């Protein structure tokens, strides 16, 4: 049986989502609202914390509690602004959509798709700058999605790449991390070229686990920014394919 706070949060969320509590409306003061709902202030606060975490309300000292408009709820950029949130949410997002996309690519990729994937791999090596490596990383995954030949999934993958691009930078900081990323791409490509959906899915899952590990262990003060040339092409490129 759910607690009173959980049931209260569910009730209030339903009212907000269905429009019974309109965006921009101000909820009564905490004491009055608790009395109206016949709950303790502790129970009310617990419910409010959940609604606030979901971006349904905004609580500000002096202004009270405001129901948020859909356009003012936290967007994806804000939702992944904290490094701890980036790691967990970005990893879950990619793990949910990319392995099935790789499996479809193995079933549906044309010879032209394989040529494009191979070309992207051949332009990748550990001697690239972090920003260049990230760009090719995103390109490879977009090409995999394109090879799945489902425009909805391809669009979703492109949007996801944009949402988590800041997180992915952390997996391209060192030449070793760039080499590891490239090796993961090689395995994914090989499975797609072999027309093996299960192997392609497994290769993508393994690759994403490695990326998650590299992000978790990366130095957050050394994230590459667009145009970063700290590790320039003068570093001897080491082809990894």
C-alpha atoms as a PDB file:
ATOM      1  CA  UNK A   1       0.000   0.000   0.000  1.00  0.00           C
ATOM      2  CA  UNK A   2       1.375   3.397  -1.041  1.00  0.00           C
ATOM      3  CA  UNK A   3       2.081   6.081   1.549  1.00  0.00           C
ATOM      4  CA  UNK A   4      -0.139   9.139   1.948  1.00  0.00           C
ATOM      5  CA  UNK A   5       2.602  11.318   0.447  1.00  0.00           C
ATOM      6  CA  UNK A   6       2.870   9.129  -2.656  1.00  0.00           C
ATOM      7  CA  UNK A   7      -0.891   9.148  -3.189  1.00  0.00           C
ATOM      8  CA  UNK A   8      -0.972  12.897  -2.655  1.00  0.00           C
ATOM      9  CA  UNK A   9       1.829  13.449  -5.176  1.00  0.00           C
ATOM     10  CA  UNK A  10      -0.011  11.249  -7.675  1.00  0.00           C
ATOM     11  CA  UNK A  11      -3.236  13.216  -7.139  1.00  0.00           C
ATOM     12  CA  UNK A  12      -1.590  16.615  -7.561  1.00  0.00           C
ATOM     13  CA  UNK A  13       0.415  15.467 -10.577  1.00  0.00           C
ATOM     14  CA  UNK A  14      -2.776  14.236 -12.218  1.00  0.00           C
ATOM     15  CA  UNK A  15      -4.416  17.624 -11.658  1.00  0.00           C
ATOM     16  CA  UNK A  16      -1.436  19.407 -13.206  1.00  0.00           C
ATOM     17  CA  UNK A  17      -1.028  17.082 -16.197  1.00  0.00           C
ATOM     18  CA  UNK A  18      -4.747  17.179 -17.030  1.00  0.00           C
ATOM     19  CA  UNK A  19      -4.901  20.949 -16.708  1.00  0.00           C
ATOM     20  CA  UNK A  20      -7.131  21.095 -13.672  1.00  0.00           C
ATOM     21  CA  UNK A  21      -4.323  23.042 -12.026  1.00  0.00           C
ATOM     22  CA  UNK A  22      -3.452  25.522 -14.749  1.00  0.00           C
ATOM     23  CA  UNK A  23       0.073  26.566 -15.653  1.00  0.00           C
ATOM     24  CA  UNK A  24       1.015  29.758 -13.873  1.00  0.00           C
ATOM     25  CA  UNK A  25      -1.462  29.296 -11.075  1.00  0.00           C
ATOM     26  CA  UNK A  26      -0.248  29.751  -7.535  1.00  0.00           C
ATOM     27  CA  UNK A  27      -1.007  27.063  -4.984  1.00  0.00           C
ATOM     28  CA  UNK A  28      -2.264  28.077  -1.541  1.00  0.00           C
ATOM     29  CA  UNK A  29       0.248  28.594   1.239  1.00  0.00           C
ATOM     30  CA  UNK A  30       1.617  25.370   2.678  1.00  0.00           C
ATOM     31  CA  UNK A  31      -0.320  25.523   5.932  1.00  0.00           C
ATOM     32  CA  UNK A  32      -3.638  26.296   4.185  1.00  0.00           C
ATOM     33  CA  UNK A  33      -3.092  23.645   1.506  1.00  0.00           C
ATOM     34  CA  UNK A  34      -2.263  20.990   4.099  1.00  0.00           C
ATOM     35  CA  UNK A  35      -5.468  21.841   5.955  1.00  0.00           C
ATOM     36  CA  UNK A  36      -7.539  21.721   2.766  1.00  0.00           C
ATOM     37  CA  UNK A  37      -6.105  18.335   1.819  1.00  0.00           C
ATOM     38  CA  UNK A  38      -6.332  17.019   5.400  1.00  0.00           C
ATOM     39  CA  UNK A  39      -2.674  16.016   5.536  1.00  0.00           C
ATOM     40  CA  UNK A  40       0.256  17.007   7.694  1.00  0.00           C
ATOM     41  CA  UNK A  41       2.682  19.648   6.469  1.00  0.00           C
ATOM     42  CA  UNK A  42       5.427  16.986   6.473  1.00  0.00           C
ATOM     43  CA  UNK A  43       3.383  14.796   4.128  1.00  0.00           C
ATOM     44  CA  UNK A  44       2.599  17.763   1.897  1.00  0.00           C
ATOM     45  CA  UNK A  45       6.273  18.737   1.671  1.00  0.00           C
ATOM     46  CA  UNK A  46       7.246  15.194   0.682  1.00  0.00           C
ATOM     47  CA  UNK A  47       4.697  15.255  -2.124  1.00  0.00           C
ATOM     48  CA  UNK A  48       5.846  18.703  -3.215  1.00  0.00           C
ATOM     49  CA  UNK A  49       9.468  17.579  -3.391  1.00  0.00           C
ATOM     50  CA  UNK A  50       8.488  14.911  -5.930  1.00  0.00           C
ATOM     51  CA  UNK A  51       6.489  17.341  -8.055  1.00  0.00           C
ATOM     52  CA  UNK A  52       9.367  19.809  -7.968  1.00  0.00           C
ATOM     53  CA  UNK A  53      11.868  17.122  -8.990  1.00  0.00           C
ATOM     54  CA  UNK A  54       9.646  16.315 -11.988  1.00  0.00           C
ATOM     55  CA  UNK A  55       9.594  19.938 -13.065  1.00  0.00           C
ATOM     56  CA  UNK A  56       5.854  20.310 -12.502  1.00  0.00           C
ATOM     57  CA  UNK A  57       6.048  23.092  -9.913  1.00  0.00           C
ATOM     58  CA  UNK A  58       8.478  25.788  -8.838  1.00  0.00           C
ATOM     59  CA  UNK A  59       8.832  26.650  -5.157  1.00  0.00           C
ATOM     60  CA  UNK A  60      10.388  30.012  -4.369  1.00  0.00           C
ATOM     61  CA  UNK A  61      10.705  31.689  -1.007  1.00  0.00           C
ATOM     62  CA  UNK A  62       8.498  34.755  -0.990  1.00  0.00           C
ATOM     63  CA  UNK A  63       6.544  33.731  -4.093  1.00  0.00           C
ATOM     64  CA  UNK A  64       5.133  30.423  -2.978  1.00  0.00           C
ATOM     65  CA  UNK A  65       4.460  27.455  -5.245  1.00  0.00           C
ATOM     66  CA  UNK A  66       3.733  28.010  -8.958  1.00  0.00           C
ATOM     67  CA  UNK A  67       2.483  25.411 -11.445  1.00  0.00           C
ATOM     68  CA  UNK A  68       4.894  25.450 -14.366  1.00  0.00           C
ATOM     69  CA  UNK A  69       3.980  25.826 -17.994  1.00  0.00           C
ATOM     70  CA  UNK A  70       5.171  22.990 -20.221  1.00  0.00           C
ATOM     71  CA  UNK A  71       7.542  25.332 -22.029  1.00  0.00           C
ATOM     72  CA  UNK A  72       9.138  26.319 -18.715  1.00  0.00           C
ATOM     73  CA  UNK A  73       9.739  22.849 -17.355  1.00  0.00           C
ATOM     74  CA  UNK A  74      13.396  21.801 -17.408  1.00  0.00           C
ATOM     75  CA  UNK A  75      14.567  21.074 -20.922  1.00  0.00           C
ATOM     76  CA  UNK A  76      17.020  18.307 -21.775  1.00  0.00           C
ATOM     77  CA  UNK A  77      20.004  20.622 -21.510  1.00  0.00           C
ATOM     78  CA  UNK A  78      19.018  21.580 -17.978  1.00  0.00           C
ATOM     79  CA  UNK A  79      18.203  18.013 -17.004  1.00  0.00           C
ATOM     80  CA  UNK A  80      21.762  16.903 -17.787  1.00  0.00           C
ATOM     81  CA  UNK A  81      23.533  19.974 -16.437  1.00  0.00           C
ATOM     82  CA  UNK A  82      24.917  18.245 -13.326  1.00  0.00           C
ATOM     83  CA  UNK A  83      27.774  15.822 -13.948  1.00  0.00           C
ATOM     84  CA  UNK A  84      26.185  13.070 -11.829  1.00  0.00           C
ATOM     85  CA  UNK A  85      22.938  13.456 -13.745  1.00  0.00           C
ATOM     86  CA  UNK A  86      24.773  13.476 -17.042  1.00  0.00           C
ATOM     87  CA  UNK A  87      26.419  10.161 -16.394  1.00  0.00           C
ATOM     88  CA  UNK A  88      23.329   8.242 -15.346  1.00  0.00           C
ATOM     89  CA  UNK A  89      20.684   9.826 -17.550  1.00  0.00           C
ATOM     90  CA  UNK A  90      22.781  10.049 -20.698  1.00  0.00           C
ATOM     91  CA  UNK A  91      23.901   6.429 -20.303  1.00  0.00           C
ATOM     92  CA  UNK A  92      20.326   5.230 -19.822  1.00  0.00           C
ATOM     93  CA  UNK A  93      19.099   7.208 -22.813  1.00  0.00           C
ATOM     94  CA  UNK A  94      21.760   5.829 -25.142  1.00  0.00           C
ATOM     95  CA  UNK A  95      21.443   2.274 -23.819  1.00  0.00           C
ATOM     96  CA  UNK A  96      17.721   2.384 -24.481  1.00  0.00           C
ATOM     97  CA  UNK A  97      17.762   3.522 -28.094  1.00  0.00           C
ATOM     98  CA  UNK A  98      21.122   2.721 -29.688  1.00  0.00           C
ATOM     99  CA  UNK A  99      21.486  -1.089 -29.345  1.00  0.00           C
ATOM    100  CA  UNK A 100      18.121  -1.760 -31.075  1.00  0.00           C
ATOM    101  CA  UNK A 101      19.083   0.732 -33.781  1.00  0.00           C
ATOM    102  CA  UNK A 102      22.333  -1.173 -34.375  1.00  0.00           C
ATOM    103  CA  UNK A 103      20.376  -4.429 -34.663  1.00  0.00           C
ATOM    104  CA  UNK A 104      18.091  -2.897 -37.288  1.00  0.00           C
ATOM    105  CA  UNK A 105      21.106  -1.516 -39.139  1.00  0.00           C
ATOM    106  CA  UNK A 106      22.535  -5.036 -39.352  1.00  0.00           C
ATOM    107  CA  UNK A 107      19.297  -6.178 -40.976  1.00  0.00           C
ATOM    108  CA  UNK A 108      18.709  -3.231 -43.294  1.00  0.00           C
ATOM    109  CA  UNK A 109      22.040  -1.583 -44.181  1.00  0.00           C
ATOM    110  CA  UNK A 110      22.718  -1.315 -47.883  1.00  0.00           C
ATOM    111  CA  UNK A 111      26.151  -1.603 -49.417  1.00  0.00           C
ATOM    112  CA  UNK A 112      26.224   2.201 -49.645  1.00  0.00           C
ATOM    113  CA  UNK A 113      25.537   2.428 -45.906  1.00  0.00           C
ATOM    114  CA  UNK A 114      28.467   0.118 -45.224  1.00  0.00           C
ATOM    115  CA  UNK A 115      30.730   2.267 -47.391  1.00  0.00           C
ATOM    116  CA  UNK A 116      29.777   5.356 -45.391  1.00  0.00           C
ATOM    117  CA  UNK A 117      30.411   3.613 -42.072  1.00  0.00           C
ATOM    118  CA  UNK A 118      33.760   2.304 -43.260  1.00  0.00           C
ATOM    119  CA  UNK A 119      34.758   5.765 -44.457  1.00  0.00           C
ATOM    120  CA  UNK A 120      33.907   7.291 -41.078  1.00  0.00           C
ATOM    121  CA  UNK A 121      36.072   4.675 -39.376  1.00  0.00           C
ATOM    122  CA  UNK A 122      38.990   5.284 -41.698  1.00  0.00           C
ATOM    123  CA  UNK A 123      38.928   8.995 -40.848  1.00  0.00           C
ATOM    124  CA  UNK A 124      39.123   8.216 -37.135  1.00  0.00           C
ATOM    125  CA  UNK A 125      42.324   7.636 -35.184  1.00  0.00           C
ATOM    126  CA  UNK A 126      43.706   8.310 -31.723  1.00  0.00           C
ATOM    127  CA  UNK A 127      45.790  11.250 -32.961  1.00  0.00           C
ATOM    128  CA  UNK A 128      42.751  13.451 -33.574  1.00  0.00           C
ATOM    129  CA  UNK A 129      41.987  16.339 -31.271  1.00  0.00           C
ATOM    130  CA  UNK A 130      39.218  15.620 -28.751  1.00  0.00           C
ATOM    131  CA  UNK A 131      36.751  17.839 -30.624  1.00  0.00           C
ATOM    132  CA  UNK A 132      37.530  16.180 -33.961  1.00  0.00           C
ATOM    133  CA  UNK A 133      37.212  12.742 -32.422  1.00  0.00           C
ATOM    134  CA  UNK A 134      33.854  13.672 -30.882  1.00  0.00           C
ATOM    135  CA  UNK A 135      32.585  14.966 -34.215  1.00  0.00           C
ATOM    136  CA  UNK A 136      33.443  11.705 -35.963  1.00  0.00           C
ATOM    137  CA  UNK A 137      32.008   9.720 -33.075  1.00  0.00           C
ATOM    138  CA  UNK A 138      28.669  11.486 -33.479  1.00  0.00           C
ATOM    139  CA  UNK A 139      28.855  11.047 -37.255  1.00  0.00           C
ATOM    140  CA  UNK A 140      29.433   7.292 -36.949  1.00  0.00           C
ATOM    141  CA  UNK A 141      26.459   6.793 -34.645  1.00  0.00           C
ATOM    142  CA  UNK A 142      24.265   8.923 -36.910  1.00  0.00           C
ATOM    143  CA  UNK A 143      25.288   6.787 -39.881  1.00  0.00           C
ATOM    144  CA  UNK A 144      24.376   3.640 -37.938  1.00  0.00           C
ATOM    145  CA  UNK A 145      20.949   5.131 -37.240  1.00  0.00           C
ATOM    146  CA  UNK A 146      20.582   6.110 -40.892  1.00  0.00           C
ATOM    147  CA  UNK A 147      21.418   2.543 -41.903  1.00  0.00           C
ATOM    148  CA  UNK A 148      18.492   1.319 -39.786  1.00  0.00           C
ATOM    149  CA  UNK A 149      16.300   3.045 -42.395  1.00  0.00           C
ATOM    150  CA  UNK A 150      13.715   4.310 -39.967  1.00  0.00           C
ATOM    151  CA  UNK A 151      13.457   8.109 -40.166  1.00  0.00           C
ATOM    152  CA  UNK A 152      11.803   8.368 -36.747  1.00  0.00           C
ATOM    153  CA  UNK A 153      14.594   6.449 -35.030  1.00  0.00           C
ATOM    154  CA  UNK A 154      17.208   8.361 -36.996  1.00  0.00           C
ATOM    155  CA  UNK A 155      15.728  11.673 -35.881  1.00  0.00           C
ATOM    156  CA  UNK A 156      15.524  10.475 -32.273  1.00  0.00           C
ATOM    157  CA  UNK A 157      19.164   9.405 -32.367  1.00  0.00           C
ATOM    158  CA  UNK A 158      20.227  12.789 -33.740  1.00  0.00           C
ATOM    159  CA  UNK A 159      18.299  14.608 -31.028  1.00  0.00           C
ATOM    160  CA  UNK A 160      19.783  12.354 -28.349  1.00  0.00           C
ATOM    161  CA  UNK A 161      23.273  13.045 -29.700  1.00  0.00           C
ATOM    162  CA  UNK A 162      22.622  16.767 -29.318  1.00  0.00           C
ATOM    163  CA  UNK A 163      21.230  16.365 -25.795  1.00  0.00           C
ATOM    164  CA  UNK A 164      24.229  14.384 -24.514  1.00  0.00           C
ATOM    165  CA  UNK A 165      27.052  15.921 -26.565  1.00  0.00           C
ATOM    166  CA  UNK A 166      28.480  17.645 -23.486  1.00  0.00           C
ATOM    167  CA  UNK A 167      28.674  14.315 -21.708  1.00  0.00           C
ATOM    168  CA  UNK A 168      30.296  12.525 -24.627  1.00  0.00           C
ATOM    169  CA  UNK A 169      33.155  15.015 -24.728  1.00  0.00           C
ATOM    170  CA  UNK A 170      34.489  13.368 -21.607  1.00  0.00           C
ATOM    171  CA  UNK A 171      35.034  10.081 -23.442  1.00  0.00           C
ATOM    172  CA  UNK A 172      37.409  11.699 -25.958  1.00  0.00           C
ATOM    173  CA  UNK A 173      39.835  13.481 -23.649  1.00  0.00           C
ATOM    174  CA  UNK A 174      42.818  11.130 -23.955  1.00  0.00           C
ATOM    175  CA  UNK A 175      44.291   9.290 -26.916  1.00  0.00           C
ATOM    176  CA  UNK A 176      43.610   6.019 -25.098  1.00  0.00           C
ATOM    177  CA  UNK A 177      39.924   6.847 -24.684  1.00  0.00           C
ATOM    178  CA  UNK A 178      39.722   7.813 -28.352  1.00  0.00           C
ATOM    179  CA  UNK A 179      41.362   4.521 -29.293  1.00  0.00           C
ATOM    180  CA  UNK A 180      38.902   2.589 -27.144  1.00  0.00           C
ATOM    181  CA  UNK A 181      35.972   4.412 -28.722  1.00  0.00           C
ATOM    182  CA  UNK A 182      37.294   3.638 -32.188  1.00  0.00           C
ATOM    183  CA  UNK A 183      37.694  -0.045 -31.363  1.00  0.00           C
ATOM    184  CA  UNK A 184      34.083  -0.122 -30.234  1.00  0.00           C
ATOM    185  CA  UNK A 185      33.011   1.376 -33.548  1.00  0.00           C
ATOM    186  CA  UNK A 186      35.040  -1.243 -35.411  1.00  0.00           C
ATOM    187  CA  UNK A 187      33.200  -4.044 -33.587  1.00  0.00           C
ATOM    188  CA  UNK A 188      29.821  -2.459 -34.316  1.00  0.00           C
ATOM    189  CA  UNK A 189      30.686  -2.032 -37.971  1.00  0.00           C
ATOM    190  CA  UNK A 190      31.904  -5.622 -38.267  1.00  0.00           C
ATOM    191  CA  UNK A 191      28.635  -6.946 -36.828  1.00  0.00           C
ATOM    192  CA  UNK A 192      26.535  -4.767 -39.131  1.00  0.00           C
ATOM    193  CA  UNK A 193      28.610  -5.806 -42.147  1.00  0.00           C
ATOM    194  CA  UNK A 194      28.142  -9.457 -41.122  1.00  0.00           C
ATOM    195  CA  UNK A 195      24.363  -8.921 -41.071  1.00  0.00           C
ATOM    196  CA  UNK A 196      24.187 -10.184 -37.483  1.00  0.00           C
ATOM    197  CA  UNK A 197      21.544  -8.205 -35.505  1.00  0.00           C
ATOM    198  CA  UNK A 198      22.240  -9.834 -32.149  1.00  0.00           C
ATOM    199  CA  UNK A 199      25.986  -9.319 -32.480  1.00  0.00           C
ATOM    200  CA  UNK A 200      25.455  -5.707 -33.540  1.00  0.00           C
ATOM    201  CA  UNK A 201      23.207  -5.083 -30.543  1.00  0.00           C
ATOM    202  CA  UNK A 202      25.731  -6.724 -28.189  1.00  0.00           C
ATOM    203  CA  UNK A 203      28.619  -4.756 -29.733  1.00  0.00           C
ATOM    204  CA  UNK A 204      26.754  -1.490 -29.248  1.00  0.00           C
ATOM    205  CA  UNK A 205      25.874  -2.394 -25.646  1.00  0.00           C
ATOM    206  CA  UNK A 206      29.515  -3.206 -24.892  1.00  0.00           C
ATOM    207  CA  UNK A 207      30.668   0.002 -26.561  1.00  0.00           C
ATOM    208  CA  UNK A 208      28.234   2.112 -24.540  1.00  0.00           C
ATOM    209  CA  UNK A 209      29.342   0.434 -21.309  1.00  0.00           C
ATOM    210  CA  UNK A 210      32.946   1.329 -22.131  1.00  0.00           C
ATOM    211  CA  UNK A 211      31.926   4.916 -22.925  1.00  0.00           C
ATOM    212  CA  UNK A 212      30.076   5.148 -19.620  1.00  0.00           C
ATOM    213  CA  UNK A 213      33.179   3.916 -17.806  1.00  0.00           C
ATOM    214  CA  UNK A 214      35.413   6.442 -19.588  1.00  0.00           C
ATOM    215  CA  UNK A 215      33.033   9.266 -18.718  1.00  0.00           C
ATOM    216  CA  UNK A 216      32.834   8.170 -15.078  1.00  0.00           C
ATOM    217  CA  UNK A 217      36.619   8.081 -14.748  1.00  0.00           C
ATOM    218  CA  UNK A 218      37.409  11.201 -16.804  1.00  0.00           C
ATOM    219  CA  UNK A 219      38.834  14.319 -15.189  1.00  0.00           C
ATOM    220  CA  UNK A 220      35.909  16.798 -15.236  1.00  0.00           C
ATOM    221  CA  UNK A 221      38.318  19.754 -15.362  1.00  0.00           C
ATOM    222  CA  UNK A 222      39.786  18.566 -18.642  1.00  0.00           C
ATOM    223  CA  UNK A 223      36.716  18.363 -20.886  1.00  0.00           C
ATOM    224  CA  UNK A 224      37.416  19.351 -24.458  1.00  0.00           C
ATOM    225  CA  UNK A 225      35.549  22.330 -25.806  1.00  0.00           C
ATOM    226  CA  UNK A 226      34.638  22.915 -29.454  1.00  0.00           C
ATOM    227  CA  UNK A 227      37.764  23.962 -31.302  1.00  0.00           C
ATOM    228  CA  UNK A 228      40.013  22.584 -28.580  1.00  0.00           C
ATOM    229  CA  UNK A 229      43.492  22.106 -30.059  1.00  0.00           C
ATOM    230  CA  UNK A 230      45.395  21.167 -26.926  1.00  0.00           C
ATOM    231  CA  UNK A 231      46.098  17.816 -28.502  1.00  0.00           C
ATOM    232  CA  UNK A 232      46.853  18.880 -32.021  1.00  0.00           C
ATOM    233  CA  UNK A 233      47.525  17.012 -35.221  1.00  0.00           C
ATOM    234  CA  UNK A 234      51.207  17.440 -34.536  1.00  0.00           C
ATOM    235  CA  UNK A 235      50.774  14.519 -32.134  1.00  0.00           C
ATOM    236  CA  UNK A 236      51.735  11.523 -34.201  1.00  0.00           C
ATOM    237  CA  UNK A 237      48.469   9.959 -35.388  1.00  0.00           C
ATOM    238  CA  UNK A 238      48.191   6.327 -34.528  1.00  0.00           C
ATOM    239  CA  UNK A 239      45.719   4.604 -36.859  1.00  0.00           C
ATOM    240  CA  UNK A 240      43.695   2.037 -34.980  1.00  0.00           C
ATOM    241  CA  UNK A 241      42.014   0.220 -37.845  1.00  0.00           C
END
